[in-house]
Amino acid sequence: MSSYSVQIIITFIFVLAAVAYASWRAYKALTHKDEPCSGCPLKQSCDKSAKKRPNGL
C-alpha cells in the first residue's frame, strides 16, 4: 500500500466520523426540542433549567 492510499483511508475515516457526529447531534437537537439543555454535557450540574427564562426561552 502506498503512502497516498494510507492518507486517503485515514482522511476518509476522519470525515466519516465527523459526518456521523454531526448527524447524531442534529438528530438529538431536532428530537428533543422541549428540553432547553438537551444534549449539553453540563446538564446535570448546571442550574439553568431551574431558573425561569424570559419569554419562554
C-alpha atoms as a PDB file:
ATOM      1  CA  MET A   1       0.000   0.000   0.000  1.00  0.00           C
ATOM      2  CA  SER A   2       1.398   3.363  -0.923  1.00  0.00           C
ATOM      3  CA  SER A   3       1.635   6.322   1.399  1.00  0.00           C
ATOM      4  CA  TYR A   4      -1.008   8.124  -0.635  1.00  0.00           C
ATOM      5  CA  SER A   5      -3.507   5.274  -0.168  1.00  0.00           C
ATOM      6  CA  VAL A   6      -2.988   5.272   3.584  1.00  0.00           C
ATOM      7  CA  GLN A   7      -3.505   9.031   3.680  1.00  0.00           C
ATOM      8  CA  ILE A   8      -6.768   8.724   1.735  1.00  0.00           C
ATOM      9  CA  ILE A   9      -8.033   5.966   4.041  1.00  0.00           C
ATOM     10  CA  ILE A  10      -7.227   7.948   7.199  1.00  0.00           C
ATOM     11  CA  THR A  11      -8.847  11.082   5.769  1.00  0.00           C
ATOM     12  CA  PHE A  12     -11.952   9.080   4.830  1.00  0.00           C
ATOM     13  CA  ILE A  13     -12.207   7.702   8.378  1.00  0.00           C
ATOM     14  CA  PHE A  14     -11.965  11.201   9.912  1.00  0.00           C
ATOM     15  CA  VAL A  15     -14.535  12.654   7.512  1.00  0.00           C
ATOM     16  CA  LEU A  16     -16.887   9.735   8.117  1.00  0.00           C
ATOM     17  CA  ALA A  17     -16.551  10.186  11.892  1.00  0.00           C
ATOM     18  CA  ALA A  18     -17.227  13.932  11.604  1.00  0.00           C
ATOM     19  CA  VAL A  19     -20.329  13.371   9.475  1.00  0.00           C
ATOM     20  CA  ALA A  20     -21.612  10.714  11.877  1.00  0.00           C
ATOM     21  CA  TYR A  21     -21.095  13.002  14.878  1.00  0.00           C
ATOM     22  CA  ALA A  22     -22.776  15.968  13.169  1.00  0.00           C
ATOM     23  CA  SER A  23     -25.716  13.777  12.167  1.00  0.00           C
ATOM     24  CA  TRP A  24     -26.083  12.451  15.701  1.00  0.00           C
ATOM     25  CA  ARG A  25     -26.014  15.978  17.178  1.00  0.00           C
ATOM     26  CA  ALA A  26     -28.566  17.216  14.628  1.00  0.00           C
ATOM     27  CA  TYR A  27     -30.841  14.273  15.414  1.00  0.00           C
ATOM     28  CA  LYS A  28     -30.606  14.942  19.144  1.00  0.00           C
ATOM     29  CA  ALA A  29     -31.299  18.659  18.644  1.00  0.00           C
ATOM     30  CA  LEU A  30     -34.330  18.020  16.456  1.00  0.00           C
ATOM     31  CA  THR A  31     -35.915  15.274  18.563  1.00  0.00           C
ATOM     32  CA  HIS A  32     -35.529  16.912  21.987  1.00  0.00           C
ATOM     33  CA  LYS A  33     -36.904  20.378  21.309  1.00  0.00           C
ATOM     34  CA  ASP A  34     -38.887  20.536  24.542  1.00  0.00           C
ATOM     35  CA  GLU A  35     -35.786  20.332  26.754  1.00  0.00           C
ATOM     36  CA  PRO A  36     -33.752  23.586  26.721  1.00  0.00           C
ATOM     37  CA  CYS A  37     -30.486  21.941  27.822  1.00  0.00           C
ATOM     38  CA  SER A  38     -30.846  18.779  25.798  1.00  0.00           C
ATOM     39  CA  GLY A  39     -27.519  17.386  24.698  1.00  0.00           C
ATOM     40  CA  CYS A  40     -25.432  19.611  26.934  1.00  0.00           C
ATOM     41  CA  PRO A  41     -22.711  17.714  28.797  1.00  0.00           C
ATOM     42  CA  LEU A  42     -23.162  20.033  31.806  1.00  0.00           C
ATOM     43  CA  LYS A  43     -26.896  19.428  32.054  1.00  0.00           C
ATOM     44  CA  GLN A  44     -26.696  17.614  35.398  1.00  0.00           C
ATOM     45  CA  SER A  45     -24.567  20.214  37.164  1.00  0.00           C
ATOM     46  CA  CYS A  46     -25.942  23.378  35.582  1.00  0.00           C
ATOM     47  CA  ASP A  47     -28.775  25.274  37.243  1.00  0.00           C
ATOM     48  CA  LYS A  48     -30.078  26.979  34.106  1.00  0.00           C
ATOM     49  CA  SER A  49     -33.049  24.654  33.929  1.00  0.00           C
ATOM     50  CA  ALA A  50     -34.079  25.696  37.447  1.00  0.00           C
ATOM     51  CA  LYS A  51     -34.092  29.414  36.585  1.00  0.00           C
ATOM     52  CA  LYS A  52     -37.026  30.992  34.831  1.00  0.00           C
ATOM     53  CA  ARG A  53     -36.269  32.094  31.316  1.00  0.00           C
ATOM     54  CA  PRO A  54     -37.697  35.372  29.985  1.00  0.00           C
ATOM     55  CA  ASN A  55     -40.210  34.997  27.145  1.00  0.00           C
ATOM     56  CA  GLY A  56     -40.149  31.200  27.395  1.00  0.00           C
ATOM     57  CA  LEU A  57     -36.597  30.791  26.088  1.00  0.00           C
END
